[in-house]
Every structure is written in C-alpha cells, then in structure tokens.
Amino acid sequence: REKDGFHTGQLYPWHGAYCGDIDLTGLRKPISH
C-alpha cells in the first residue's frame, strides 16, 4: 500500500513523523508507558 523504506520519494498524504512516544494530540502511545 506504500513504498518501503525511509524518505523514498513521495509518501503523501503522510505529512508528519510518527516516531513520537506521544501522539500529535498529546496522548501517550504504549511505548511511552
């Protein structure tokens, strides 16, 4: 459904990094706990 890898061309509609322990709304992901 998407290209493999990191920074491999256009990956729109991705427009942010999902590597945070806390998501964009300020809620904690399991890795944070």
ModelCIF file with pLDDT and N, C-alpha, C, O atoms, coordinates in Angstrom:
data_MODEL
#
_entry.id   MODEL 
#
_entity.id                         1 
_entity.type                       polymer 
_entity.pdbx_number_of_molecules   1 
#
_entity_poly.entity_id                      1 
_entity_poly.type                           'polypeptide(L)' 
_entity_poly.nstd_linkage                   no 
_entity_poly.nstd_monomer                   no 
_entity_poly.pdbx_seq_one_letter_code       REKDGFHTGQLYPWHGAYCGDIDLTGLRKPISH 
_entity_poly.pdbx_seq_one_letter_code_can   REKDGFHTGQLYPWHGAYCGDIDLTGLRKPISH 
_entity_poly.pdbx_strand_id                 A 
#
loop_
_entity_poly_seq.entity_id 
_entity_poly_seq.num 
_entity_poly_seq.mon_id 
_entity_poly_seq.hetero 
1 1  ARG n 
1 2  GLU n 
1 3  LYS n 
1 4  ASP n 
1 5  GLY n 
1 6  PHE n 
1 7  HIS n 
1 8  THR n 
1 9  GLY n 
1 10 GLN n 
1 11 LEU n 
1 12 TYR n 
1 13 PRO n 
1 14 TRP n 
1 15 HIS n 
1 16 GLY n 
1 17 ALA n 
1 18 TYR n 
1 19 CYS n 
1 20 GLY n 
1 21 ASP n 
1 22 ILE n 
1 23 ASP n 
1 24 LEU n 
1 25 THR n 
1 26 GLY n 
1 27 LEU n 
1 28 ARG n 
1 29 LYS n 
1 30 PRO n 
1 31 ILE n 
1 32 SER n 
1 33 HIS n 
#
_struct_asym.id          A 
_struct_asym.entity_id   1 
#
loop_
_ma_qa_metric.id 
_ma_qa_metric.mode 
_ma_qa_metric.name 
_ma_qa_metric.software_group_id 
_ma_qa_metric.type 
1 global pLDDT . pLDDT 
2 local  pLDDT . pLDDT 
#
_ma_qa_metric_global.metric_id      1 
_ma_qa_metric_global.metric_value   87.36 
_ma_qa_metric_global.model_id       1 
_ma_qa_metric_global.ordinal_id     1 
#
loop_
_ma_qa_metric_local.label_asym_id 
_ma_qa_metric_local.label_comp_id 
_ma_qa_metric_local.label_seq_id 
_ma_qa_metric_local.metric_id 
_ma_qa_metric_local.metric_value 
_ma_qa_metric_local.model_id 
_ma_qa_metric_local.ordinal_id 
A ARG 1  2 85.00 1 1  
A GLU 2  2 83.00 1 2  
A LYS 3  2 79.00 1 3  
A ASP 4  2 74.00 1 4  
A GLY 5  2 67.00 1 5  
A PHE 6  2 64.00 1 6  
A HIS 7  2 60.00 1 7  
A THR 8  2 56.00 1 8  
A GLY 9  2 63.00 1 9  
A GLN 10 2 74.00 1 10 
A LEU 11 2 87.00 1 11 
A TYR 12 2 88.00 1 12 
A PRO 13 2 92.00 1 13 
A TRP 14 2 92.00 1 14 
A HIS 15 2 93.00 1 15 
A GLY 16 2 93.00 1 16 
A ALA 17 2 94.00 1 17 
A TYR 18 2 95.00 1 18 
A CYS 19 2 96.00 1 19 
A GLY 20 2 97.00 1 20 
A ASP 21 2 97.00 1 21 
A ILE 22 2 97.00 1 22 
A ASP 23 2 97.00 1 23 
A LEU 24 2 94.00 1 24 
A THR 25 2 94.00 1 25 
A GLY 26 2 94.00 1 26 
A LEU 27 2 95.00 1 27 
A ARG 28 2 97.00 1 28 
A LYS 29 2 97.00 1 29 
A PRO 30 2 97.00 1 30 
A ILE 31 2 97.00 1 31 
A SER 32 2 97.00 1 32 
A HIS 33 2 98.00 1 33 
#
loop_
_atom_site.group_PDB 
_atom_site.id 
_atom_site.type_symbol 
_atom_site.label_atom_id 
_atom_site.label_alt_id 
_atom_site.label_comp_id 
_atom_site.label_asym_id 
_atom_site.label_entity_id 
_atom_site.label_seq_id 
_atom_site.pdbx_PDB_ins_code 
_atom_site.Cartn_x 
_atom_site.Cartn_y 
_atom_site.Cartn_z 
_atom_site.occupancy 
_atom_site.B_iso_or_equiv 
_atom_site.pdbx_formal_charge 
_atom_site.auth_seq_id 
_atom_site.auth_comp_id 
_atom_site.auth_asym_id 
_atom_site.auth_atom_id 
_atom_site.pdbx_PDB_model_num 
ATOM 1   N N  . ARG A 1 1  ? 0.815  -1.215 0.000  1.00 85.00 ? 1  ARG A N  1 
ATOM 2   C CA . ARG A 1 1  ? 0.000  0.000  0.000  1.00 85.00 ? 1  ARG A CA 1 
ATOM 3   C C  . ARG A 1 1  ? 0.851  1.269  0.000  1.00 85.00 ? 1  ARG A C  1 
ATOM 4   O O  . ARG A 1 1  ? 0.376  2.341  -0.376 1.00 85.00 ? 1  ARG A O  1 
ATOM 5   N N  . GLU A 1 2  ? 2.109  1.144  0.422  1.00 83.00 ? 2  GLU A N  1 
ATOM 6   C CA . GLU A 1 2  ? 3.010  2.287  0.455  1.00 83.00 ? 2  GLU A CA 1 
ATOM 7   C C  . GLU A 1 2  ? 4.398  1.831  0.022  1.00 83.00 ? 2  GLU A C  1 
ATOM 8   O O  . GLU A 1 2  ? 4.716  0.642  0.065  1.00 83.00 ? 2  GLU A O  1 
ATOM 9   N N  . LYS A 1 3  ? 5.227  2.799  -0.397 1.00 79.00 ? 3  LYS A N  1 
ATOM 10  C CA . LYS A 1 3  ? 6.609  2.489  -0.707 1.00 79.00 ? 3  LYS A CA 1 
ATOM 11  C C  . LYS A 1 3  ? 7.348  2.090  0.555  1.00 79.00 ? 3  LYS A C  1 
ATOM 12  O O  . LYS A 1 3  ? 7.081  2.620  1.634  1.00 79.00 ? 3  LYS A O  1 
ATOM 13  N N  . ASP A 1 4  ? 8.274  1.157  0.422  1.00 74.00 ? 4  ASP A N  1 
ATOM 14  C CA . ASP A 1 4  ? 9.078  0.727  1.557  1.00 74.00 ? 4  ASP A CA 1 
ATOM 15  C C  . ASP A 1 4  ? 10.149 1.753  1.871  1.00 74.00 ? 4  ASP A C  1 
ATOM 16  O O  . ASP A 1 4  ? 10.503 2.589  1.039  1.00 74.00 ? 4  ASP A O  1 
ATOM 17  N N  . GLY A 1 5  ? 10.659 1.670  3.103  1.00 67.00 ? 5  GLY A N  1 
ATOM 18  C CA . GLY A 1 5  ? 11.841 2.429  3.473  1.00 67.00 ? 5  GLY A CA 1 
ATOM 19  C C  . GLY A 1 5  ? 11.529 3.792  4.042  1.00 67.00 ? 5  GLY A C  1 
ATOM 20  O O  . GLY A 1 5  ? 10.390 4.106  4.389  1.00 67.00 ? 5  GLY A O  1 
ATOM 21  N N  . PHE A 1 6  ? 12.581 4.596  4.129  1.00 64.00 ? 6  PHE A N  1 
ATOM 22  C CA . PHE A 1 6  ? 12.545 5.902  4.769  1.00 64.00 ? 6  PHE A CA 1 
ATOM 23  C C  . PHE A 1 6  ? 13.000 6.946  3.766  1.00 64.00 ? 6  PHE A C  1 
ATOM 24  O O  . PHE A 1 6  ? 14.071 6.822  3.172  1.00 64.00 ? 6  PHE A O  1 
ATOM 25  N N  . HIS A 1 7  ? 12.170 7.991  3.577  1.00 60.00 ? 7  HIS A N  1 
ATOM 26  C CA . HIS A 1 7  ? 12.476 9.058  2.629  1.00 60.00 ? 7  HIS A CA 1 
ATOM 27  C C  . HIS A 1 7  ? 12.709 8.489  1.225  1.00 60.00 ? 7  HIS A C  1 
ATOM 28  O O  . HIS A 1 7  ? 13.670 8.858  0.551  1.00 60.00 ? 7  HIS A O  1 
ATOM 29  N N  . THR A 1 8  ? 11.826 7.592  0.794  1.00 56.00 ? 8  THR A N  1 
ATOM 30  C CA . THR A 1 8  ? 11.963 7.005  -0.537 1.00 56.00 ? 8  THR A CA 1 
ATOM 31  C C  . THR A 1 8  ? 10.920 7.609  -1.465 1.00 56.00 ? 8  THR A C  1 
ATOM 32  O O  . THR A 1 8  ? 9.958  6.943  -1.849 1.00 56.00 ? 8  THR A O  1 
ATOM 33  N N  . GLY A 1 9  ? 11.116 8.864  -1.820 1.00 63.00 ? 9  GLY A N  1 
ATOM 34  C CA . GLY A 1 9  ? 10.202 9.504  -2.743 1.00 63.00 ? 9  GLY A CA 1 
ATOM 35  C C  . GLY A 1 9  ? 8.952  10.028 -2.057 1.00 63.00 ? 9  GLY A C  1 
ATOM 36  O O  . GLY A 1 9  ? 8.931  10.225 -0.842 1.00 63.00 ? 9  GLY A O  1 
ATOM 37  N N  . GLN A 1 10 ? 7.921  10.249 -2.843 1.00 74.00 ? 10 GLN A N  1 
ATOM 38  C CA . GLN A 1 10 ? 6.688  10.844 -2.340 1.00 74.00 ? 10 GLN A CA 1 
ATOM 39  C C  . GLN A 1 10 ? 5.883  9.835  -1.528 1.00 74.00 ? 10 GLN A C  1 
ATOM 40  O O  . GLN A 1 10 ? 5.548  8.754  -2.014 1.00 74.00 ? 10 GLN A O  1 
ATOM 41  N N  . LEU A 1 11 ? 5.576  10.204 -0.282 1.00 87.00 ? 11 LEU A N  1 
ATOM 42  C CA . LEU A 1 11 ? 4.771  9.342  0.586  1.00 87.00 ? 11 LEU A CA 1 
ATOM 43  C C  . LEU A 1 11 ? 3.508  10.065 1.035  1.00 87.00 ? 11 LEU A C  1 
ATOM 44  O O  . LEU A 1 11 ? 2.903  9.702  2.044  1.00 87.00 ? 11 LEU A O  1 
ATOM 45  N N  . TYR A 1 12 ? 3.114  11.087 0.285  1.00 88.00 ? 12 TYR A N  1 
ATOM 46  C CA . TYR A 1 12 ? 1.864  11.788 0.575  1.00 88.00 ? 12 TYR A CA 1 
ATOM 47  C C  . TYR A 1 12 ? 0.726  10.765 0.606  1.00 88.00 ? 12 TYR A C  1 
ATOM 48  O O  . TYR A 1 12 ? 0.711  9.857  -0.225 1.00 88.00 ? 12 TYR A O  1 
ATOM 49  N N  . PRO A 1 13 ? -0.220 10.882 1.530  1.00 92.00 ? 13 PRO A N  1 
ATOM 50  C CA . PRO A 1 13 ? -0.532 12.047 2.361  1.00 92.00 ? 13 PRO A CA 1 
ATOM 51  C C  . PRO A 1 13 ? 0.172  12.118 3.723  1.00 92.00 ? 13 PRO A C  1 
ATOM 52  O O  . PRO A 1 13 ? -0.198 12.951 4.551  1.00 92.00 ? 13 PRO A O  1 
ATOM 53  N N  . TRP A 1 14 ? 1.172  11.273 3.975  1.00 92.00 ? 14 TRP A N  1 
ATOM 54  C CA . TRP A 1 14 ? 1.944  11.459 5.207  1.00 92.00 ? 14 TRP A CA 1 
ATOM 55  C C  . TRP A 1 14 ? 2.515  12.870 5.237  1.00 92.00 ? 14 TRP A C  1 
ATOM 56  O O  . TRP A 1 14 ? 3.122  13.317 4.264  1.00 92.00 ? 14 TRP A O  1 
ATOM 57  N N  . HIS A 1 15 ? 2.324  13.572 6.348  1.00 93.00 ? 15 HIS A N  1 
ATOM 58  C CA . HIS A 1 15 ? 2.843  14.935 6.464  1.00 93.00 ? 15 HIS A CA 1 
ATOM 59  C C  . HIS A 1 15 ? 3.472  15.167 7.835  1.00 93.00 ? 15 HIS A C  1 
ATOM 60  O O  . HIS A 1 15 ? 3.629  16.313 8.259  1.00 93.00 ? 15 HIS A O  1 
ATOM 61  N N  . GLY A 1 16 ? 3.831  14.092 8.528  1.00 93.00 ? 16 GLY A N  1 
ATOM 62  C CA . GLY A 1 16 ? 4.465  14.222 9.833  1.00 93.00 ? 16 GLY A CA 1 
ATOM 63  C C  . GLY A 1 16 ? 5.181  12.942 10.199 1.00 93.00 ? 16 GLY A C  1 
ATOM 64  O O  . GLY A 1 16 ? 5.062  11.916 9.529  1.00 93.00 ? 16 GLY A O  1 
ATOM 65  N N  . ALA A 1 17 ? 5.928  13.037 11.281 1.00 94.00 ? 17 ALA A N  1 
ATOM 66  C CA . ALA A 1 17 ? 6.698  11.889 11.778 1.00 94.00 ? 17 ALA A CA 1 
ATOM 67  C C  . ALA A 1 17 ? 5.929  11.195 12.890 1.00 94.00 ? 17 ALA A C  1 
ATOM 68  O O  . ALA A 1 17 ? 5.466  11.835 13.835 1.00 94.00 ? 17 ALA A O  1 
ATOM 69  N N  . TYR A 1 18 ? 5.797  9.882  12.768 1.00 95.00 ? 18 TYR A N  1 
ATOM 70  C CA . TYR A 1 18 ? 5.023  9.104  13.741 1.00 95.00 ? 18 TYR A CA 1 
ATOM 71  C C  . TYR A 1 18 ? 5.942  8.357  14.708 1.00 95.00 ? 18 TYR A C  1 
ATOM 72  O O  . TYR A 1 18 ? 5.598  7.281  15.195 1.00 95.00 ? 18 TYR A O  1 
ATOM 73  N N  . CYS A 1 19 ? 7.104  8.932  14.980 1.00 96.00 ? 19 CYS A N  1 
ATOM 74  C CA . CYS A 1 19 ? 8.081  8.257  15.834 1.00 96.00 ? 19 CYS A CA 1 
ATOM 75  C C  . CYS A 1 19 ? 7.978  8.685  17.295 1.00 96.00 ? 19 CYS A C  1 
ATOM 76  O O  . CYS A 1 19 ? 8.782  8.241  18.114 1.00 96.00 ? 19 CYS A O  1 
ATOM 77  N N  . GLY A 1 20 ? 7.022  9.525  17.641 1.00 97.00 ? 20 GLY A N  1 
ATOM 78  C CA . GLY A 1 20 ? 6.923  10.040 18.997 1.00 97.00 ? 20 GLY A CA 1 
ATOM 79  C C  . GLY A 1 20 ? 6.409  9.025  20.003 1.00 97.00 ? 20 GLY A C  1 
ATOM 80  O O  . GLY A 1 20 ? 5.630  8.135  19.660 1.00 97.00 ? 20 GLY A O  1 
ATOM 81  N N  . ASP A 1 21 ? 6.851  9.165  21.249 1.00 97.00 ? 21 ASP A N  1 
ATOM 82  C CA . ASP A 1 21 ? 6.234  8.413  22.338 1.00 97.00 ? 21 ASP A CA 1 
ATOM 83  C C  . ASP A 1 21 ? 4.827  8.940  22.616 1.00 97.00 ? 21 ASP A C  1 
ATOM 84  O O  . ASP A 1 21 ? 3.980  8.229  23.155 1.00 97.00 ? 21 ASP A O  1 
ATOM 85  N N  . ILE A 1 22 ? 4.595  10.195 22.241 1.00 97.00 ? 22 ILE A N  1 
ATOM 86  C CA . ILE A 1 22 ? 3.309  10.854 22.461 1.00 97.00 ? 22 ILE A CA 1 
ATOM 87  C C  . ILE A 1 22 ? 2.793  11.322 21.107 1.00 97.00 ? 22 ILE A C  1 
ATOM 88  O O  . ILE A 1 22 ? 3.554  11.846 20.295 1.00 97.00 ? 22 ILE A O  1 
ATOM 89  N N  . ASP A 1 23 ? 1.489  11.130 20.864 1.00 97.00 ? 23 ASP A N  1 
ATOM 90  C CA . ASP A 1 23 ? 0.972  11.448 19.535 1.00 97.00 ? 23 ASP A CA 1 
ATOM 91  C C  . ASP A 1 23 ? 0.706  12.953 19.396 1.00 97.00 ? 23 ASP A C  1 
ATOM 92  O O  . ASP A 1 23 ? 0.920  13.724 20.332 1.00 97.00 ? 23 ASP A O  1 
ATOM 93  N N  . LEU A 1 24 ? 0.239  13.349 18.217 1.00 94.00 ? 24 LEU A N  1 
ATOM 94  C CA . LEU A 1 24 ? 0.095  14.765 17.894 1.00 94.00 ? 24 LEU A CA 1 
ATOM 95  C C  . LEU A 1 24 ? -0.941 15.456 18.773 1.00 94.00 ? 24 LEU A C  1 
ATOM 96  O O  . LEU A 1 24 ? -0.904 16.677 18.924 1.00 94.00 ? 24 LEU A O  1 
ATOM 97  N N  . THR A 1 25 ? -1.862 14.696 19.352 1.00 94.00 ? 25 THR A N  1 
ATOM 98  C CA . THR A 1 25 ? -2.892 15.292 20.208 1.00 94.00 ? 25 THR A CA 1 
ATOM 99  C C  . THR A 1 25 ? -2.481 15.311 21.674 1.00 94.00 ? 25 THR A C  1 
ATOM 100 O O  . THR A 1 25 ? -3.250 15.759 22.525 1.00 94.00 ? 25 THR A O  1 
ATOM 101 N N  . GLY A 1 26 ? -1.281 14.830 21.978 1.00 94.00 ? 26 GLY A N  1 
ATOM 102 C CA . GLY A 1 26 ? -0.808 14.844 23.357 1.00 94.00 ? 26 GLY A CA 1 
ATOM 103 C C  . GLY A 1 26 ? -1.118 13.592 24.145 1.00 94.00 ? 26 GLY A C  1 
ATOM 104 O O  . GLY A 1 26 ? -0.873 13.550 25.350 1.00 94.00 ? 26 GLY A O  1 
ATOM 105 N N  . LEU A 1 27 ? -1.653 12.566 23.494 1.00 95.00 ? 27 LEU A N  1 
ATOM 106 C CA . LEU A 1 27 ? -1.959 11.317 24.184 1.00 95.00 ? 27 LEU A CA 1 
ATOM 107 C C  . LEU A 1 27 ? -0.789 10.342 24.060 1.00 95.00 ? 27 LEU A C  1 
ATOM 108 O O  . LEU A 1 27 ? -0.097 10.308 23.043 1.00 95.00 ? 27 LEU A O  1 
ATOM 109 N N  . ARG A 1 28 ? -0.583 9.556  25.107 1.00 97.00 ? 28 ARG A N  1 
ATOM 110 C CA . ARG A 1 28 ? 0.575  8.670  25.174 1.00 97.00 ? 28 ARG A CA 1 
ATOM 111 C C  . ARG A 1 28 ? 0.344  7.381  24.394 1.00 97.00 ? 28 ARG A C  1 
ATOM 112 O O  . ARG A 1 28 ? -0.734 6.789  24.456 1.00 97.00 ? 28 ARG A O  1 
ATOM 113 N N  . LYS A 1 29 ? 1.373  6.953  23.656 1.00 97.00 ? 29 LYS A N  1 
ATOM 114 C CA . LYS A 1 29 ? 1.357  5.657  22.993 1.00 97.00 ? 29 LYS A CA 1 
ATOM 115 C C  . LYS A 1 29 ? 1.882  4.601  23.974 1.00 97.00 ? 29 LYS A C  1 
ATOM 116 O O  . LYS A 1 29 ? 2.485  4.956  24.987 1.00 97.00 ? 29 LYS A O  1 
ATOM 117 N N  . PRO A 1 30 ? 1.665  3.313  23.691 1.00 97.00 ? 30 PRO A N  1 
ATOM 118 C CA . PRO A 1 30 ? 2.156  2.265  24.592 1.00 97.00 ? 30 PRO A CA 1 
ATOM 119 C C  . PRO A 1 30 ? 3.654  2.346  24.866 1.00 97.00 ? 30 PRO A C  1 
ATOM 120 O O  . PRO A 1 30 ? 4.080  2.067  25.987 1.00 97.00 ? 30 PRO A O  1 
ATOM 121 N N  . ILE A 1 31 ? 4.468  2.721  23.876 1.00 97.00 ? 31 ILE A N  1 
ATOM 122 C CA . ILE A 1 31 ? 5.916  2.801  24.093 1.00 97.00 ? 31 ILE A CA 1 
ATOM 123 C C  . ILE A 1 31 ? 6.252  3.820  25.166 1.00 97.00 ? 31 ILE A C  1 
ATOM 124 O O  . ILE A 1 31 ? 7.249  3.665  25.872 1.00 97.00 ? 31 ILE A O  1 
ATOM 125 N N  . SER A 1 32 ? 5.436  4.865  25.303 1.00 97.00 ? 32 SER A N  1 
ATOM 126 C CA . SER A 1 32 ? 5.655  5.874  26.332 1.00 97.00 ? 32 SER A CA 1 
ATOM 127 C C  . SER A 1 32 ? 5.484  5.284  27.726 1.00 97.00 ? 32 SER A C  1 
ATOM 128 O O  . SER A 1 32 ? 6.273  5.574  28.625 1.00 97.00 ? 32 SER A O  1 
ATOM 129 N N  . HIS A 1 33 ? 4.464  4.462  27.906 1.00 98.00 ? 33 HIS A N  1 
ATOM 130 C CA . HIS A 1 33 ? 4.229  3.834  29.210 1.00 98.00 ? 33 HIS A CA 1 
ATOM 131 C C  . HIS A 1 33 ? 5.359  2.861  29.549 1.00 98.00 ? 33 HIS A C  1 
ATOM 132 O O  . HIS A 1 33 ? 5.338  2.235  30.609 1.00 98.00 ? 33 HIS A O  1 
#
